[in-house]
């Protein structure tokens, strides 16, 4: 691409897709527009929008899944509770890399973390009269924010940008004390900002969750990917930071998608704290005839949704966690390449006049990882995204993540080598020339 696409070409594609405002689209809509522009122009674009793994799937999982398939498991329904060995290896994995003890009974396979979060917010919203609202600490994964809307569940959001450290306490308490918050959801490391909540902030969340009886849904999709610390050795600190050290009111969401680059099999797990699993709720008893949180999660909310996660994929996930815990597979070492890609691409953006939006974890610069966020001068999201698309760059605007800031999310997974980095630099130089005309 030697010159930008015309505004007329972009507008025509948006009309064909029924898109009035590109800054209000989903990730997949952005990706689809990018693909159409590539086809029209015959040029290769820089795809920064789609958070797919950019590392080959873990061979340990592939071999275990093949073995399970050959053994005939496709003809047998999986237990909705999860395979016994899966649950056992998962509990060891959580202990090895998070240093949290969870009874295997409370660890349940789900069809990706998307199902885990959707099932969790559904049950949490029906536990106690009056507690009917889910709070999101943003920015966050845009699909998470759509889930309560699809389910008809009340939800609220706030952007953490101005509320780090002790300011987070006052902000959270202003919501919790109203008495209607059933659960709070966030990702750590954060998608899209890659900020990592500090131990002080996690303690604040945990203490307030206990005080106001709110359940914390902690998305750990990018487990151990704060590469400022080496969390690659099982059972040895430092461990993944978690709210689970500060409250019993929690559910952890872990996925094989990024940890083991096993996204295609849609296999993940929810880890319900022992106390929450056993907790009894009169509203559940009245509605379903069973009062315990964990039993209802599995036998009612999860069962009627999918009746269990893929049988063979459970064998794959189980084997990968077992290999990681035993030291036979260093998944953190494999993932470090994302940090290198982030560092290199951030330099390219900054050399072309862009700046990080979410740039600090308190006094520390954010880690290089799977995502980061950038802005350009005072350009609003719609203008920024449209101009980048015309110059060959596809990304996700921050407003779709619940952020109140202007800018885009950058995913590094498809920046695979020198050719992609050179192309990104070329596209950004086209962008600079266009906006300075």
Protein backbone atom coordinates (compact mmCIF):
# COMPACT_ATOMS: atom_id res chain seq x y z
CA UNK A 1 0.00 0.00 0.00
CA UNK A 2 1.62 3.21 -1.18
CA UNK A 3 -1.27 5.58 -0.50
CA UNK A 4 -4.35 5.53 1.74
CA UNK A 5 -7.68 4.17 0.58
CA UNK A 6 -10.25 6.80 -0.23
CA UNK A 7 -12.84 7.81 2.32
CA UNK A 8 -15.43 6.86 -0.28
CA UNK A 9 -14.18 3.26 -0.39
CA UNK A 10 -14.29 2.91 3.40
CA UNK A 11 -17.75 4.47 3.61
CA UNK A 12 -19.06 2.07 0.95
CA UNK A 13 -17.80 -0.97 2.87
CA UNK A 14 -19.31 0.32 6.11
CA UNK A 15 -22.68 0.89 4.42
CA UNK A 16 -22.62 -2.62 2.97
CA UNK A 17 -22.09 -3.99 6.48
CA UNK A 18 -24.83 -1.78 7.95
CA UNK A 19 -22.32 0.05 10.15
CA UNK A 20 -23.15 3.66 11.01
CA UNK A 21 -20.25 4.24 13.41
CA UNK A 22 -17.11 2.10 13.19
CA UNK A 23 -16.18 3.02 16.77
CA UNK A 24 -19.28 1.17 18.04
CA UNK A 25 -18.62 -2.16 16.34
CA UNK A 26 -17.66 -5.52 17.80
CA UNK A 27 -14.18 -7.01 17.39
CA UNK A 28 -15.43 -9.43 14.74
CA UNK A 29 -17.17 -6.64 12.82
CA UNK A 30 -13.90 -4.68 12.77
CA UNK A 31 -12.08 -7.76 11.54
CA UNK A 32 -14.67 -8.33 8.81
CA UNK A 33 -14.37 -4.74 7.58
CA UNK A 34 -10.60 -5.13 7.48
CA UNK A 35 -10.86 -8.31 5.44
CA UNK A 36 -13.17 -6.63 2.93
CA UNK A 37 -10.82 -3.66 2.57
CA UNK A 38 -7.93 -6.04 1.97
CA UNK A 39 -9.86 -7.81 -0.76
CA UNK A 40 -10.84 -4.53 -2.43
CA UNK A 41 -7.35 -3.09 -2.31
CA UNK A 42 -5.39 -6.26 -2.95
CA UNK A 43 -3.05 -5.13 -0.14
CA UNK A 44 -2.07 -6.81 3.11
CA UNK A 45 -3.24 -5.00 6.25
CA UNK A 46 -1.80 -4.87 9.78
CA UNK A 47 -4.31 -6.83 11.88
CA UNK A 48 -4.15 -5.69 15.50
CA UNK A 49 -7.79 -6.32 16.38
CA UNK A 50 -8.24 -10.02 16.99
CA UNK A 51 -6.79 -11.63 20.13
CA UNK A 52 -6.08 -15.04 18.65
CA UNK A 53 -3.00 -16.97 19.79
CA UNK A 54 0.09 -16.26 17.73
CA UNK A 55 2.01 -19.27 19.05
CA UNK A 56 1.48 -22.92 18.01
CA UNK A 57 -0.80 -25.00 20.23
CA UNK A 58 0.90 -27.00 22.96
CA UNK A 59 1.85 -30.42 21.56
CA UNK A 60 1.25 -32.10 24.93
CA UNK A 61 -2.43 -31.20 24.61
CA UNK A 62 -2.66 -32.26 20.98
CA UNK A 63 -1.17 -35.68 21.73
CA UNK A 64 -3.45 -36.22 24.73
CA UNK A 65 -6.53 -35.21 22.75
CA UNK A 66 -5.61 -37.53 19.87
CA UNK A 67 -5.18 -40.38 22.32
CA UNK A 68 -8.59 -39.67 23.84
CA UNK A 69 -10.20 -39.53 20.41
CA UNK A 70 -8.61 -42.83 19.43
CA UNK A 71 -9.87 -44.36 22.68
CA UNK A 72 -13.46 -43.57 21.65
CA UNK A 73 -14.44 -40.74 23.98
CA UNK A 74 -16.44 -38.91 21.25
CA UNK A 75 -19.22 -41.48 21.66
CA UNK A 76 -19.52 -40.83 25.41
CA UNK A 77 -21.12 -37.78 27.02
CA UNK A 78 -18.66 -35.98 29.33
CA UNK A 79 -19.62 -35.50 32.95
CA UNK A 80 -20.83 -31.93 33.45
CA UNK A 81 -18.76 -31.92 36.66
CA UNK A 82 -15.58 -32.58 34.66
CA UNK A 83 -13.23 -35.53 34.36
CA UNK A 84 -11.78 -36.55 37.74
CA UNK A 85 -8.20 -36.30 36.45
CA UNK A 86 -8.95 -32.90 34.91
CA UNK A 87 -10.22 -31.56 38.22
CA UNK A 88 -7.26 -33.02 40.11
CA UNK A 89 -4.65 -31.61 37.73
CA UNK A 90 -6.43 -28.27 37.66
CA UNK A 91 -6.31 -27.98 41.45
CA UNK A 92 -2.56 -28.73 41.37
CA UNK A 93 -2.08 -26.18 38.58
CA UNK A 94 -3.87 -23.46 40.57
CA UNK A 95 -1.73 -24.25 43.60
CA UNK A 96 1.50 -24.35 41.57
CA UNK A 97 1.10 -21.01 39.77
CA UNK A 98 -1.38 -19.01 41.89
CA UNK A 99 -0.62 -20.53 45.31
CA UNK A 100 -4.30 -20.95 46.13
CA UNK A 101 -5.88 -24.12 47.52
CA UNK A 102 -9.17 -25.08 45.89
CA UNK A 103 -10.99 -28.38 46.31
CA UNK A 104 -11.11 -30.17 42.93
CA UNK A 105 -14.89 -30.42 43.39
CA UNK A 106 -15.15 -26.66 42.78
CA UNK A 107 -13.17 -26.69 39.54
CA UNK A 108 -15.43 -27.17 36.53
CA UNK A 109 -14.62 -27.25 32.79
CA UNK A 110 -16.49 -24.79 30.59
CA UNK A 111 -16.74 -24.10 26.87
CA UNK A 112 -14.19 -21.29 27.00
CA UNK A 113 -14.06 -18.60 29.66
CA UNK A 114 -16.93 -16.90 27.85
CA UNK A 115 -19.25 -19.63 29.08
CA UNK A 116 -17.66 -19.47 32.51
CA UNK A 117 -18.32 -15.75 32.87
CA UNK A 118 -21.81 -15.90 31.38
CA UNK A 119 -22.89 -18.74 33.67
CA UNK A 120 -21.33 -17.00 36.68
CA UNK A 121 -23.05 -13.66 36.17
CA UNK A 122 -26.37 -15.41 35.57
CA UNK A 123 -26.24 -17.33 38.84
CA UNK A 124 -24.79 -14.44 40.85
CA UNK A 125 -27.65 -12.18 39.75
CA UNK A 126 -30.22 -14.61 41.19
CA UNK A 127 -28.75 -15.37 44.61
CA UNK A 128 -30.25 -12.68 46.81
CA UNK A 129 -33.26 -10.37 46.42
CA UNK A 130 -32.11 -6.88 45.52
CA UNK A 131 -28.63 -7.96 44.45
CA UNK A 132 -29.33 -7.97 40.74
CA UNK A 133 -26.53 -5.91 39.15
CA UNK A 134 -23.08 -6.84 37.81
CA UNK A 135 -20.30 -4.25 38.10
CA UNK A 136 -17.46 -4.19 35.57
CA UNK A 137 -14.08 -2.65 36.29
CA UNK A 138 -13.13 -1.31 32.87
CA UNK A 139 -11.57 -1.28 30.40
CA UNK A 140 -12.35 -4.91 29.74
CA UNK A 141 -13.08 -7.57 27.17
CA UNK A 142 -15.97 -6.12 25.19
CA UNK A 143 -17.86 -9.43 24.92
CA UNK A 144 -17.98 -9.67 28.72
CA UNK A 145 -19.88 -6.41 28.80
CA UNK A 146 -22.44 -7.67 26.29
CA UNK A 147 -23.26 -10.80 28.24
CA UNK A 148 -25.53 -9.19 30.88
CA UNK A 149 -27.30 -7.21 28.16
CA UNK A 150 -28.08 -10.43 26.28
CA UNK A 151 -29.29 -12.07 29.50
CA UNK A 152 -31.32 -9.05 30.57
CA UNK A 153 -29.21 -8.49 33.69
CA UNK A 154 -28.56 -5.00 35.05
CA UNK A 155 -24.95 -3.89 34.84
CA UNK A 156 -22.73 -0.92 35.59
CA UNK A 157 -19.20 0.03 34.56
CA UNK A 158 -16.47 2.44 35.52
CA UNK A 159 -13.08 3.18 33.99
CA UNK A 160 -10.23 2.46 36.43
CA UNK A 161 -8.01 5.06 34.71
CA UNK A 162 -8.52 7.65 37.47
CA UNK A 163 -9.03 5.19 40.33
CA UNK A 164 -5.81 3.37 41.06
CA UNK A 165 -4.53 2.52 44.55
CA UNK A 166 -6.57 3.86 47.48
CA UNK A 167 -8.86 5.78 45.11
CA UNK A 168 -10.19 2.39 44.03
CA UNK A 169 -11.58 1.79 47.53
CA UNK A 170 -13.77 4.87 47.51
CA UNK A 171 -14.98 4.21 43.98
CA UNK A 172 -15.89 0.58 44.60
CA UNK A 173 -17.52 1.32 47.94
CA UNK A 174 -19.70 3.98 46.31
CA UNK A 175 -21.24 1.15 44.26
CA UNK A 176 -21.17 -1.66 46.83
CA UNK A 177 -22.84 0.29 49.62
CA UNK A 178 -25.97 0.74 47.50
CA UNK A 179 -26.68 -2.93 48.14
CA UNK A 180 -27.56 -3.97 44.59
CA UNK A 181 -24.18 -5.26 43.34
CA UNK A 182 -24.19 -9.05 43.09
CA UNK A 183 -20.75 -9.50 41.48
CA UNK A 184 -17.81 -7.53 40.14
CA UNK A 185 -15.81 -8.66 37.10
CA UNK A 186 -12.37 -7.64 35.84
CA UNK A 187 -9.37 -9.13 34.03
CA UNK A 188 -5.85 -9.27 35.46
CA UNK A 189 -3.59 -8.75 33.49
CA UNK A 190 -6.08 -6.46 31.86
CA UNK A 191 -7.55 -6.84 28.41
CA UNK A 192 -7.06 -4.36 26.69
CA UNK A 193 -4.84 -2.08 28.78
CA UNK A 194 -2.47 -4.73 30.16
CA UNK A 195 -2.44 -2.97 33.51
CA UNK A 196 -1.96 -5.36 36.43
CA UNK A 197 -3.76 -4.72 39.69
CA UNK A 198 -1.35 -4.41 42.60
CA UNK A 199 -1.56 -6.45 45.78
CA UNK A 200 -2.86 -3.33 47.53
CA UNK A 201 -5.67 -2.99 44.97
CA UNK A 202 -6.57 -6.70 45.10
CA UNK A 203 -6.71 -6.49 48.88
CA UNK A 204 -9.09 -3.53 48.61
CA UNK A 205 -11.36 -5.47 46.24
CA UNK A 206 -11.27 -8.55 48.48
CA UNK A 207 -11.99 -6.66 51.71
CA UNK A 208 -14.93 -4.79 50.18
CA UNK A 209 -16.30 -7.96 48.59
CA UNK A 210 -16.38 -9.59 52.02
CA UNK A 211 -17.81 -6.50 53.74
CA UNK A 212 -20.66 -6.05 51.24
CA UNK A 213 -21.13 -9.72 50.29
CA UNK A 214 -20.19 -9.27 46.62
CA UNK A 215 -18.77 -12.12 44.53
CA UNK A 216 -15.56 -11.35 42.62
CA UNK A 217 -15.25 -12.82 39.11
CA UNK A 218 -11.53 -12.65 38.30
CA UNK A 219 -10.59 -13.37 34.70
CA UNK A 220 -7.07 -14.81 34.58
CA UNK A 221 -6.99 -15.49 30.84
CA UNK A 222 -3.42 -14.17 30.70
CA UNK A 223 -2.10 -16.09 33.68
CA UNK A 224 1.57 -15.43 34.57
CA UNK A 225 1.97 -13.03 31.62
CA UNK A 226 3.17 -10.05 33.66
CA UNK A 227 6.68 -10.58 32.36
CA UNK A 228 8.21 -8.11 34.81
CA UNK A 229 8.26 -11.11 37.18
CA UNK A 230 9.35 -14.66 36.49
CA UNK A 231 6.36 -16.83 37.40
CA UNK A 232 7.46 -19.80 35.32
CA UNK A 233 8.57 -22.16 38.12
CA UNK A 234 5.73 -24.18 39.69
CA UNK A 235 5.29 -23.97 43.48
CA UNK A 236 7.91 -21.21 43.75
CA UNK A 237 7.21 -17.50 44.22
CA UNK A 238 6.47 -15.07 42.74
CA UNK A 239 2.98 -16.32 41.96
CA UNK A 240 0.15 -14.88 39.89
CA UNK A 241 -1.52 -12.08 41.87
CA UNK A 242 -5.14 -12.78 42.78
CA UNK A 243 -8.03 -11.54 44.89
CA UNK A 244 -8.34 -15.09 46.24
CA UNK A 245 -5.80 -14.20 48.94
CA UNK A 246 -8.13 -11.55 50.37
CA UNK A 247 -11.68 -12.95 50.24
CA UNK A 248 -13.60 -16.21 50.08
CA UNK A 249 -16.17 -14.65 47.72
CA UNK A 250 -14.50 -15.43 44.41
CA UNK A 251 -14.59 -17.37 41.17
CA UNK A 252 -11.42 -17.58 39.06
CA UNK A 253 -11.76 -17.93 35.29
CA UNK A 254 -8.87 -19.69 33.54
CA UNK A 255 -8.65 -20.69 29.90
CA UNK A 256 -6.42 -22.86 27.75
CA UNK A 257 -6.81 -20.39 24.88
CA UNK A 258 -3.86 -18.10 25.61
CA UNK A 259 -2.04 -20.01 28.36
CA UNK A 260 -1.52 -23.04 26.13
CA UNK A 261 -2.46 -21.47 22.75
CA UNK A 262 -5.37 -23.95 22.65
CA UNK A 263 -8.09 -21.51 21.61
CA UNK A 264 -9.68 -23.64 18.89
CA UNK A 265 -11.01 -26.29 21.27
CA UNK A 266 -12.91 -23.78 23.46
CA UNK A 267 -11.86 -25.29 26.77
CA UNK A 268 -11.55 -23.41 30.06
CA UNK A 269 -12.48 -23.76 33.71
CA UNK A 270 -14.11 -21.95 36.59
CA UNK A 271 -12.53 -22.30 40.02
CA UNK A 272 -15.09 -21.68 42.74
CA UNK A 273 -13.78 -21.01 46.23
CA UNK A 274 -14.48 -23.77 48.73
CA UNK A 275 -16.61 -21.50 50.91
CA UNK A 276 -18.67 -20.15 48.02
CA UNK A 277 -19.17 -23.62 46.55
CA UNK A 278 -20.73 -24.84 49.81
CA UNK A 279 -22.67 -21.67 50.59
CA UNK A 280 -26.44 -22.10 50.72
CA UNK A 281 -28.87 -19.53 49.32
CA UNK A 282 -32.61 -19.67 50.14
CA UNK A 283 -33.42 -18.13 46.74
CA UNK A 284 -31.72 -21.04 44.98
CA UNK A 285 -33.56 -23.54 47.17
CA UNK A 286 -36.89 -21.94 46.34
CA UNK A 287 -36.17 -21.72 42.63
CA UNK A 288 -34.36 -24.99 41.94
CA UNK A 289 -34.81 -27.21 44.98
CA UNK A 290 -31.08 -27.09 45.74
CA UNK A 291 -29.55 -24.43 47.93
CA UNK A 292 -25.77 -24.77 47.40
CA UNK A 293 -24.03 -22.40 45.00
CA UNK A 294 -21.68 -24.97 43.48
CA UNK A 295 -24.27 -27.66 42.85
CA UNK A 296 -26.59 -25.16 41.18
CA UNK A 297 -23.75 -23.79 39.07
CA UNK A 298 -23.03 -27.26 37.67
CA UNK A 299 -26.37 -29.05 37.65
CA UNK A 300 -28.67 -26.18 36.70
CA UNK A 301 -26.99 -23.17 35.15
CA UNK A 302 -24.16 -24.98 33.35
CA UNK A 303 -25.95 -28.21 32.49
CA UNK A 304 -28.86 -26.61 30.66
CA UNK A 305 -26.40 -24.40 28.76
CA UNK A 306 -24.11 -26.99 27.15
CA UNK A 307 -24.42 -30.20 29.18
CA UNK A 308 -20.65 -30.23 29.60
CA UNK A 309 -17.45 -29.22 27.84
CA UNK A 310 -15.78 -31.21 25.05
CA UNK A 311 -14.69 -34.61 26.35
CA UNK A 312 -11.44 -34.88 24.39
CA UNK A 313 -10.52 -31.24 25.05
CA UNK A 314 -10.71 -31.91 28.79
CA UNK A 315 -8.06 -34.60 28.35
CA UNK A 316 -5.91 -32.10 26.44
CA UNK A 317 -6.25 -29.34 29.07
CA UNK A 318 -5.63 -31.82 31.86
CA UNK A 319 -2.44 -33.13 30.26
CA UNK A 320 -1.10 -29.63 29.62
CA UNK A 321 -1.67 -28.56 33.21
CA UNK A 322 -0.07 -31.77 34.48
CA UNK A 323 3.00 -31.20 32.29
CA UNK A 324 3.30 -27.58 33.48
CA UNK A 325 3.05 -28.54 37.14
CA UNK A 326 5.57 -31.36 36.76
CA UNK A 327 8.03 -29.02 35.04
CA UNK A 328 7.90 -30.85 31.70
CA UNK A 329 6.36 -27.90 29.86
CA UNK A 330 7.27 -24.26 30.58
CA UNK A 331 4.23 -22.42 29.23
CA UNK A 332 5.45 -19.04 30.54
CA UNK A 333 8.67 -19.32 28.55
CA UNK A 334 6.63 -20.00 25.41
CA UNK A 335 4.49 -16.92 26.01
CA UNK A 336 7.38 -14.49 26.51
CA UNK A 337 7.51 -13.94 22.76
CA UNK A 338 4.37 -11.81 23.12
CA UNK A 339 6.33 -9.45 25.37
CA UNK A 340 9.07 -9.10 22.75
CA UNK A 341 6.48 -8.34 20.06
CA UNK A 342 4.81 -5.75 22.28
CA UNK A 343 8.10 -4.01 23.00
CA UNK A 344 9.06 -3.83 19.32
CA UNK A 345 5.65 -2.68 18.10
CA UNK A 346 5.30 -0.10 20.89
CA UNK A 347 8.55 1.44 19.70
CA UNK A 348 7.12 1.65 16.18
CA UNK A 349 3.95 3.38 17.41
CA UNK A 350 5.89 5.82 19.60
CA UNK A 351 8.35 6.62 16.80
CA UNK A 352 5.32 7.59 14.70
CA UNK A 353 3.91 9.96 17.30
CA UNK A 354 1.53 7.67 19.24
CA UNK A 355 1.51 7.44 23.03
CA UNK A 356 0.40 4.81 25.55
CA UNK A 357 -3.00 5.49 27.10
CA UNK A 358 -2.88 3.18 30.12
CA UNK A 359 0.84 3.46 30.74
CA UNK A 360 1.46 2.78 34.43
CA UNK A 361 0.83 0.34 37.26
CA UNK A 362 1.25 2.97 39.92
CA UNK A 363 4.91 3.97 39.52
CA UNK A 364 5.82 1.05 37.25
CA UNK A 365 5.55 1.15 33.48
CA UNK A 366 3.11 -1.52 32.29
CA UNK A 367 4.50 -4.87 31.28
CA UNK A 368 5.04 -5.79 27.65
CA UNK A 369 2.45 -8.45 26.88
CA UNK A 370 -0.44 -9.53 24.68
CA UNK A 371 -2.19 -6.14 24.49
CA UNK A 372 -1.55 -2.44 25.03
CA UNK A 373 -3.38 0.80 24.24
CA UNK A 374 -2.28 3.84 22.24
CA UNK A 375 -3.67 7.25 21.29
CA UNK A 376 -2.75 9.87 18.72
CA UNK A 377 -2.90 13.51 19.75
CA UNK A 378 -6.51 14.50 20.45
CA UNK A 379 -8.15 12.35 17.78
CA UNK A 380 -11.50 10.87 18.80
CA UNK A 381 -12.11 7.15 18.40
CA UNK A 382 -14.22 7.28 15.24
CA UNK A 383 -11.83 9.55 13.34
CA UNK A 384 -8.78 7.64 14.58
CA UNK A 385 -10.13 4.23 13.61
CA UNK A 386 -11.39 5.33 10.20
CA UNK A 387 -8.08 7.01 9.35
CA UNK A 388 -6.07 3.98 10.47
CA UNK A 389 -8.27 1.65 8.41
CA UNK A 390 -7.74 3.74 5.31
CA UNK A 391 -3.99 3.34 5.89
CA UNK A 392 -4.06 -0.43 6.40
CA UNK A 393 -4.35 -0.80 10.19
CA UNK A 394 -7.25 -2.68 11.81
CA UNK A 395 -7.72 -2.26 15.56
CA UNK A 396 -10.38 -2.03 18.28
CA UNK A 397 -11.46 1.38 19.67
CA UNK A 398 -11.23 1.78 23.43
CA UNK A 399 -14.82 2.93 23.92
CA UNK A 400 -16.01 -0.61 23.08
CA UNK A 401 -14.04 -1.88 26.09
CA UNK A 402 -15.82 0.36 28.59
CA UNK A 403 -12.98 2.87 28.60
CA UNK A 404 -13.63 6.57 28.79
CA UNK A 405 -10.35 7.32 27.03
CA UNK A 406 -9.64 7.85 23.34
CA UNK A 407 -7.41 5.43 21.51
CA UNK A 408 -7.17 1.87 20.26
CA UNK A 409 -6.33 -1.57 21.61
CA UNK A 410 -3.30 -3.19 19.99
CA UNK A 411 -3.02 -6.99 19.99
CA UNK A 412 0.43 -8.31 19.06
CA UNK A 413 -0.48 -11.92 18.32
CA UNK A 414 -0.46 -11.52 14.53
CA UNK A 415 2.83 -9.62 14.42
CA UNK A 416 4.81 -12.74 13.66
CA UNK A 417 8.07 -11.44 12.22
CA UNK A 418 10.11 -8.67 10.61
CA UNK A 419 7.78 -8.45 7.62
CA UNK A 420 4.76 -7.65 9.81
CA UNK A 421 6.69 -5.05 11.85
CA UNK A 422 7.98 -3.34 8.70
CA UNK A 423 4.46 -3.32 7.28
CA UNK A 424 3.07 -1.78 10.47
CA UNK A 425 5.68 0.97 10.31
CA UNK A 426 4.82 1.64 6.67
CA UNK A 427 1.10 1.84 7.44
CA UNK A 428 1.64 4.23 10.35
CA UNK A 429 3.79 6.49 8.19
CA UNK A 430 0.92 6.61 5.69
CA UNK A 431 -1.34 7.56 8.61
CA UNK A 432 0.96 10.38 9.69
CA UNK A 433 1.13 11.76 6.16
CA UNK A 434 -2.65 11.61 5.83
CA UNK A 435 -3.48 13.41 9.08
CA UNK A 436 -0.84 16.08 8.41
CA UNK A 437 -2.11 16.96 4.94
